[in-house]
Amino acid sequence: METEFIHNLDEKDQIKLAIELIEIGLPVWTEYASVNKIDYNDSVVGMYHKVNKNLISKSIKIFKNCSKNNGLILKKYNEIRLKLLLKEYLEPRVALIDEDFGLPKNVELIFLSAYYLTEFLTGKKQSGLDGNNTYVSIRYSIDSITDGGIKTELEIENILDEYCSITTEKLNTMNNQKFKNIEEIIEFIKVNKNELKISLYKGASELEIFDFEEIEMKLPDDIKKFYSFTNGFESAEDLFRIIPLDEIIEKGNDDYLISNTSFHIAEYMTYCDMWSVNVDSTNNNEYEIYNKADDIVKLTNSFVEFLEVFLNGGVFENEGLYDWRKNINN
């Protein structure tokens, strides 16, 4: 449950939570560093190394500066500071792996928590461990804090509950969204893809769009703009996808398509159901989106409305795609 909750936080909240927990766990590091040397000899060349005793507190300051909405110059400056910070972590991190460098477990965990958040902020989003690097950072901080007796598990749960409330509030405000155009849809997905549990594909190139239009048909402008943003996407929750252009070409025609200017734009559960676009042969910006099961139900002539229904209600939820079809058909 905790794992799923952390993964469902948006990226900004994951970073904010990770920083907050490292700051709570800072005394684990500082108390140890105040009475112990933090140094080691590497086993490869026998060189002596000292680790900065203020490394974690220094990291927190840099993390906080980087999480602010700074101007371009400050952003570049912070990127440089993060790269230099990562260098400070890399050698002792390797020494820990090689067992040249030893720390008490809870001290090692807070060190690793700051290291993984640094990796995330410098662009390495995923680790070889369970989940992305912010998740790993959060988990290590929690273990360090509870093992070090700084906070109880109940107190940690209370901190997580605060973020859960923020996430729930965001999800509630995401329902019943109304969009005027495809640009608003694109911006909404960009900002909320984590909460929506949507995995975006790389945007289609001009060549990929050209190839599609040469082989199939000229795309409506709004659909073309969306594919330039993301060449389809998949939703983990409903196994629903906007189908990539190359896959549409590969699949070709079938009995569900109602004309030679139709194509499937979305599918559910590996083509157990499809939603299709029928484009007017004389005007590519005139089209209708339909669903064909026992009968053909014309849903809308707006890709924006189609996406709006899915984003608000998914496939099966109240006012989702199936509910929408049922209401139109009645």
Protein backbone atom coordinates (compact mmCIF):
# COMPACT_ATOMS: atom_id res chain seq x y z
CA MET A 1 0.00 0.00 0.00
CA GLU A 2 2.79 2.40 0.96
CA THR A 3 4.71 1.49 -2.20
CA GLU A 4 1.69 2.18 -4.42
CA PHE A 5 0.96 5.44 -2.62
CA ILE A 6 4.51 6.78 -3.10
CA HIS A 7 4.55 5.79 -6.78
CA ASN A 8 1.20 7.55 -7.28
CA LEU A 9 2.49 10.90 -6.01
CA ASP A 10 3.34 13.30 -8.79
CA GLU A 11 7.01 13.98 -9.36
CA LYS A 12 7.08 17.31 -7.51
CA ASP A 13 5.47 15.79 -4.41
CA GLN A 14 7.82 12.80 -4.53
CA ILE A 15 10.80 15.16 -4.54
CA LYS A 16 9.28 17.31 -1.79
CA LEU A 17 8.62 14.25 0.40
CA ALA A 18 12.10 12.86 -0.26
CA ILE A 19 13.71 16.17 0.80
CA GLU A 20 11.53 16.41 3.91
CA LEU A 21 12.46 12.89 5.02
CA ILE A 22 16.18 13.39 4.42
CA GLU A 23 15.98 16.55 6.55
CA ILE A 24 14.19 14.62 9.32
CA GLY A 25 16.89 11.93 9.11
CA LEU A 26 19.78 14.44 9.11
CA PRO A 27 20.48 13.99 12.88
CA VAL A 28 21.31 10.32 12.20
CA TRP A 29 24.22 11.52 10.06
CA THR A 30 25.30 14.59 12.06
CA GLU A 31 25.32 12.79 15.43
CA TYR A 32 27.49 10.02 14.02
CA ALA A 33 29.77 12.46 12.18
CA SER A 34 30.28 14.58 15.31
CA VAL A 35 32.06 11.76 17.16
CA ASN A 36 33.47 9.63 14.34
CA LYS A 37 35.81 10.01 11.42
CA ILE A 38 34.10 9.46 8.10
CA ASP A 39 36.93 8.14 6.00
CA TYR A 40 38.22 5.02 4.27
CA ASN A 41 41.10 3.54 2.28
CA ASP A 42 40.14 2.15 -1.10
CA SER A 43 41.33 -1.40 -1.76
CA VAL A 44 42.31 -0.75 -5.38
CA VAL A 45 45.21 1.71 -4.93
CA GLY A 46 45.18 2.09 -1.14
CA MET A 47 44.36 5.81 -1.33
CA TYR A 48 43.00 7.50 1.76
CA HIS A 49 39.66 9.36 1.39
CA LYS A 50 37.76 11.69 3.68
CA VAL A 51 34.03 12.19 3.28
CA ASN A 52 32.63 15.67 3.89
CA LYS A 53 30.90 15.58 7.30
CA ASN A 54 28.50 18.28 6.08
CA LEU A 55 27.62 16.38 2.90
CA ILE A 56 23.99 15.64 3.83
CA SER A 57 23.16 19.14 5.11
CA LYS A 58 24.84 20.61 2.03
CA SER A 59 22.76 18.28 -0.15
CA ILE A 60 19.50 19.38 1.49
CA LYS A 61 20.25 23.04 0.74
CA ILE A 62 21.00 22.23 -2.91
CA PHE A 63 17.87 20.03 -3.20
CA LYS A 64 15.68 22.84 -1.86
CA ASN A 65 17.18 25.41 -4.24
CA CYS A 66 16.70 23.07 -7.20
CA SER A 67 13.05 22.40 -6.34
CA LYS A 68 12.19 26.11 -6.59
CA ASN A 69 10.97 27.73 -9.81
CA ASN A 70 14.13 29.68 -10.55
CA GLY A 71 15.04 31.64 -13.67
CA LEU A 72 17.12 30.11 -16.45
CA ILE A 73 20.50 31.27 -15.07
CA LEU A 74 19.81 29.93 -11.57
CA LYS A 75 18.47 26.71 -13.05
CA LYS A 76 21.72 26.17 -14.97
CA TYR A 77 23.72 27.04 -11.85
CA ASN A 78 21.78 24.50 -9.79
CA GLU A 79 22.27 21.84 -12.47
CA ILE A 80 26.04 22.38 -12.19
CA ARG A 81 25.86 22.20 -8.38
CA LEU A 82 23.94 18.93 -8.57
CA LYS A 83 26.49 17.36 -10.93
CA LEU A 84 29.32 18.39 -8.60
CA LEU A 85 27.35 17.05 -5.64
CA LEU A 86 26.89 13.70 -7.36
CA LYS A 87 30.66 13.45 -7.80
CA GLU A 88 31.05 13.79 -4.02
CA TYR A 89 28.80 10.77 -3.56
CA LEU A 90 30.14 8.46 -6.25
CA GLU A 91 33.46 7.36 -4.72
CA PRO A 92 32.13 6.67 -1.21
CA ARG A 93 29.13 4.93 -2.82
CA VAL A 94 31.48 2.59 -4.69
CA ALA A 95 33.53 2.14 -1.51
CA LEU A 96 30.38 1.03 0.32
CA ILE A 97 29.70 -1.56 -2.38
CA ASP A 98 33.33 -2.75 -2.24
CA GLU A 99 33.13 -2.83 1.58
CA ASP A 100 36.08 -0.43 1.84
CA PHE A 101 33.85 2.09 3.60
CA GLY A 102 31.75 1.08 6.60
CA LEU A 103 28.92 2.94 8.29
CA PRO A 104 26.27 1.90 10.81
CA LYS A 105 23.19 0.73 8.93
CA ASN A 106 20.93 3.71 9.68
CA VAL A 107 23.75 6.16 8.84
CA GLU A 108 24.41 4.33 5.57
CA LEU A 109 20.70 4.48 4.72
CA ILE A 110 20.45 8.28 5.09
CA PHE A 111 23.62 8.62 3.01
CA LEU A 112 22.11 6.42 0.30
CA SER A 113 18.80 8.27 0.48
CA ALA A 114 20.54 11.56 -0.36
CA TYR A 115 22.64 9.83 -3.03
CA TYR A 116 19.62 8.41 -4.86
CA LEU A 117 17.75 11.71 -4.76
CA THR A 118 20.85 13.39 -6.21
CA GLU A 119 20.88 10.80 -9.00
CA PHE A 120 17.21 11.49 -9.71
CA LEU A 121 17.68 15.25 -9.84
CA THR A 122 20.66 14.89 -12.20
CA GLY A 123 18.51 12.93 -14.65
CA LYS A 124 18.88 9.27 -13.68
CA LYS A 125 15.24 8.57 -12.88
CA GLN A 126 15.40 4.80 -12.42
CA SER A 127 17.66 2.64 -10.31
CA GLY A 128 18.27 -1.08 -10.42
CA LEU A 129 16.23 -1.31 -7.24
CA ASP A 130 12.45 -1.29 -6.77
CA GLY A 131 11.01 1.79 -8.47
CA ASN A 132 12.42 5.17 -9.41
CA ASN A 133 15.17 6.88 -7.47
CA THR A 134 12.84 9.17 -5.50
CA TYR A 135 10.98 6.08 -4.25
CA VAL A 136 14.27 4.43 -3.24
CA SER A 137 15.34 7.64 -1.49
CA ILE A 138 12.06 7.85 0.42
CA ARG A 139 12.20 4.19 1.48
CA TYR A 140 15.80 4.48 2.72
CA SER A 141 15.02 7.65 4.68
CA ILE A 142 12.02 6.03 6.35
CA ASP A 143 14.09 3.00 7.37
CA SER A 144 16.91 5.23 8.68
CA ILE A 145 14.51 7.47 10.63
CA THR A 146 12.61 4.60 12.27
CA ASP A 147 15.75 2.47 12.93
CA GLY A 148 17.48 5.53 14.40
CA GLY A 149 14.56 6.22 16.73
CA ILE A 150 13.95 9.73 15.40
CA LYS A 151 10.32 9.02 14.59
CA THR A 152 7.98 6.09 15.08
CA GLU A 153 6.27 4.28 12.22
CA LEU A 154 3.01 5.96 13.29
CA GLU A 155 4.61 9.41 13.01
CA ILE A 156 5.92 8.51 9.55
CA GLU A 157 2.43 7.37 8.56
CA ASN A 158 1.08 10.76 9.65
CA ILE A 159 3.59 12.51 7.37
CA LEU A 160 2.58 10.27 4.46
CA ASP A 161 -1.11 10.90 5.23
CA GLU A 162 -0.53 14.63 4.67
CA TYR A 163 0.77 13.87 1.17
CA CYS A 164 -2.08 11.41 0.64
CA SER A 165 -4.55 14.21 1.39
CA ILE A 166 -2.80 16.46 -1.13
CA THR A 167 -2.95 13.69 -3.76
CA THR A 168 -6.63 12.95 -3.05
CA GLU A 169 -7.45 16.63 -3.37
CA LYS A 170 -5.61 16.78 -6.69
CA LEU A 171 -7.46 13.72 -7.97
CA ASN A 172 -10.80 15.21 -6.97
CA THR A 173 -10.04 18.43 -8.82
CA MET A 174 -8.99 16.37 -11.86
CA ASN A 175 -12.49 14.91 -12.22
CA ASN A 176 -15.02 16.63 -14.47
CA GLN A 177 -12.34 18.52 -16.36
CA LYS A 178 -13.49 20.47 -19.39
CA PHE A 179 -11.13 21.23 -22.25
CA LYS A 180 -11.51 23.81 -25.01
CA ASN A 181 -8.89 22.45 -27.37
CA ILE A 182 -6.18 19.85 -27.89
CA GLU A 183 -3.51 22.15 -26.42
CA GLU A 184 -5.32 22.14 -23.05
CA ILE A 185 -5.55 18.33 -23.15
CA ILE A 186 -1.83 18.03 -23.89
CA GLU A 187 -0.88 20.39 -21.06
CA PHE A 188 -3.18 18.56 -18.61
CA ILE A 189 -1.65 15.17 -19.46
CA LYS A 190 1.88 16.56 -19.19
CA VAL A 191 1.22 17.86 -15.67
CA ASN A 192 -0.91 14.98 -14.36
CA LYS A 193 0.38 11.84 -16.10
CA ASN A 194 1.47 10.23 -12.82
CA GLU A 195 -1.92 10.64 -11.14
CA LEU A 196 -3.63 9.52 -14.35
CA LYS A 197 -1.36 6.44 -14.43
CA ILE A 198 -0.60 7.14 -18.07
CA SER A 199 2.67 6.16 -19.76
CA LEU A 200 3.41 8.44 -22.70
CA TYR A 201 5.21 7.31 -25.83
CA LYS A 202 7.77 9.46 -27.60
CA GLY A 203 6.09 11.99 -29.87
CA ALA A 204 5.74 11.02 -33.53
CA SER A 205 8.31 12.63 -35.79
CA GLU A 206 7.40 14.58 -38.93
CA LEU A 207 8.61 11.61 -40.95
CA GLU A 208 6.38 9.16 -39.03
CA ILE A 209 3.37 11.42 -39.56
CA PHE A 210 4.27 11.83 -43.24
CA ASP A 211 4.55 8.04 -43.68
CA PHE A 212 1.16 7.51 -42.02
CA GLU A 213 -0.52 10.10 -44.22
CA GLU A 214 1.09 8.64 -47.36
CA ILE A 215 -0.01 5.09 -46.53
CA GLU A 216 -3.33 5.70 -44.79
CA MET A 217 -4.93 9.18 -44.96
CA LYS A 218 -4.39 12.78 -43.99
CA LEU A 219 -4.86 13.17 -40.24
CA PRO A 220 -7.19 15.76 -38.69
CA ASP A 221 -5.12 18.68 -37.38
CA ASP A 222 -5.97 18.14 -33.69
CA ILE A 223 -5.17 14.43 -33.85
CA LYS A 224 -1.92 15.17 -35.70
CA LYS A 225 -0.94 17.68 -33.01
CA PHE A 226 -1.63 15.11 -30.29
CA TYR A 227 0.49 12.45 -32.03
CA SER A 228 3.32 14.99 -32.34
CA PHE A 229 3.14 15.32 -28.55
CA THR A 230 2.92 11.58 -27.86
CA ASN A 231 2.73 8.76 -30.39
CA GLY A 232 0.01 7.12 -28.33
CA PHE A 233 -0.12 6.27 -24.64
CA GLU A 234 -1.15 3.45 -22.35
CA SER A 235 -3.16 3.56 -19.15
CA ALA A 236 -2.18 1.01 -16.50
CA GLU A 237 -5.51 1.14 -14.69
CA ASP A 238 -7.86 0.32 -17.57
CA LEU A 239 -5.44 -1.36 -20.02
CA PHE A 240 -6.52 1.33 -22.46
CA ARG A 241 -4.24 2.71 -25.17
CA ILE A 242 -4.11 5.41 -27.79
CA ILE A 243 -2.55 3.37 -30.58
CA PRO A 244 0.81 4.45 -32.08
CA LEU A 245 0.77 5.43 -35.76
CA ASP A 246 3.13 2.66 -36.88
CA GLU A 247 0.94 0.06 -35.17
CA ILE A 248 -2.15 1.45 -36.95
CA ILE A 249 -0.34 0.98 -40.27
CA GLU A 250 0.80 -2.52 -39.31
CA LYS A 251 -2.69 -3.65 -38.24
CA GLY A 252 -4.27 -2.44 -41.48
CA ASN A 253 -7.98 -2.77 -42.22
CA ASP A 254 -10.45 -5.11 -40.56
CA ASP A 255 -14.20 -5.71 -40.40
CA TYR A 256 -14.66 -3.15 -37.62
CA LEU A 257 -13.66 -0.26 -39.86
CA ILE A 258 -16.58 1.28 -41.73
CA SER A 259 -14.69 2.89 -44.64
CA ASN A 260 -11.28 3.06 -46.30
CA THR A 261 -10.70 6.39 -44.51
CA SER A 262 -11.22 4.85 -41.06
CA PHE A 263 -8.62 3.71 -38.55
CA HIS A 264 -8.60 2.48 -34.95
CA ILE A 265 -7.24 5.20 -32.68
CA ALA A 266 -7.76 3.52 -29.29
CA GLU A 267 -8.05 -0.01 -27.96
CA TYR A 268 -8.75 -1.80 -24.70
CA MET A 269 -7.19 -5.03 -23.36
CA THR A 270 -5.23 -6.01 -26.48
CA TYR A 271 -7.94 -5.17 -29.00
CA CYS A 272 -10.87 -6.65 -27.08
CA ASP A 273 -12.57 -3.38 -27.98
CA MET A 274 -11.63 -0.47 -30.25
CA TRP A 275 -12.59 3.14 -30.83
CA SER A 276 -12.20 4.29 -34.39
CA VAL A 277 -11.98 7.49 -36.43
CA ASN A 278 -13.81 7.90 -39.73
CA VAL A 279 -12.30 10.82 -41.67
CA ASP A 280 -14.22 12.66 -44.40
CA SER A 281 -12.53 11.89 -47.71
CA THR A 282 -12.84 15.52 -48.88
CA ASN A 283 -11.96 17.35 -45.64
CA ASN A 284 -9.52 15.81 -43.16
CA ASN A 285 -10.78 18.04 -40.32
CA GLU A 286 -14.28 16.62 -40.61
CA TYR A 287 -14.42 13.27 -38.83
CA GLU A 288 -16.36 11.20 -36.34
CA ILE A 289 -15.21 8.84 -33.61
CA TYR A 290 -17.28 5.69 -33.26
CA ASN A 291 -17.39 2.39 -31.40
CA LYS A 292 -18.55 -0.72 -33.20
CA ALA A 293 -19.81 -3.75 -31.28
CA ASP A 294 -23.19 -5.28 -32.21
CA ASP A 295 -23.96 -1.94 -33.81
CA ILE A 296 -22.11 1.23 -34.75
CA VAL A 297 -22.41 4.06 -32.21
CA LYS A 298 -21.16 7.45 -33.34
CA LEU A 299 -19.76 9.08 -30.21
CA THR A 300 -18.39 12.48 -31.22
CA ASN A 301 -16.75 14.53 -33.95
CA SER A 302 -14.16 15.82 -31.45
CA PHE A 303 -10.98 14.02 -30.38
CA VAL A 304 -10.80 16.51 -27.50
CA GLU A 305 -14.20 15.34 -26.21
CA PHE A 306 -13.19 11.68 -26.61
CA LEU A 307 -10.04 12.18 -24.53
CA GLU A 308 -11.97 14.32 -22.02
CA VAL A 309 -14.42 11.48 -21.38
CA PHE A 310 -11.60 8.98 -20.91
CA LEU A 311 -9.55 11.26 -18.64
CA ASN A 312 -12.56 11.96 -16.44
CA GLY A 313 -14.12 8.51 -16.29
CA GLY A 314 -11.72 5.96 -17.74
CA VAL A 315 -13.27 3.01 -19.54
CA PHE A 316 -15.66 1.61 -16.92
CA GLU A 317 -16.26 4.38 -14.37
CA ASN A 318 -19.40 6.47 -14.17
CA GLU A 319 -19.42 8.77 -17.21
CA GLY A 320 -16.48 6.86 -18.69
CA LEU A 321 -16.28 5.56 -22.27
CA TYR A 322 -18.75 2.66 -21.89
CA ASP A 323 -21.23 4.76 -19.93
CA TRP A 324 -20.93 7.44 -22.62
CA ARG A 325 -21.63 4.91 -25.38
CA LYS A 326 -24.64 3.54 -23.50
CA ASN A 327 -26.14 7.00 -22.97
CA ILE A 328 -25.70 7.94 -26.64
CA ASN A 329 -27.10 4.63 -27.84
CA ASN A 330 -30.19 5.06 -25.68
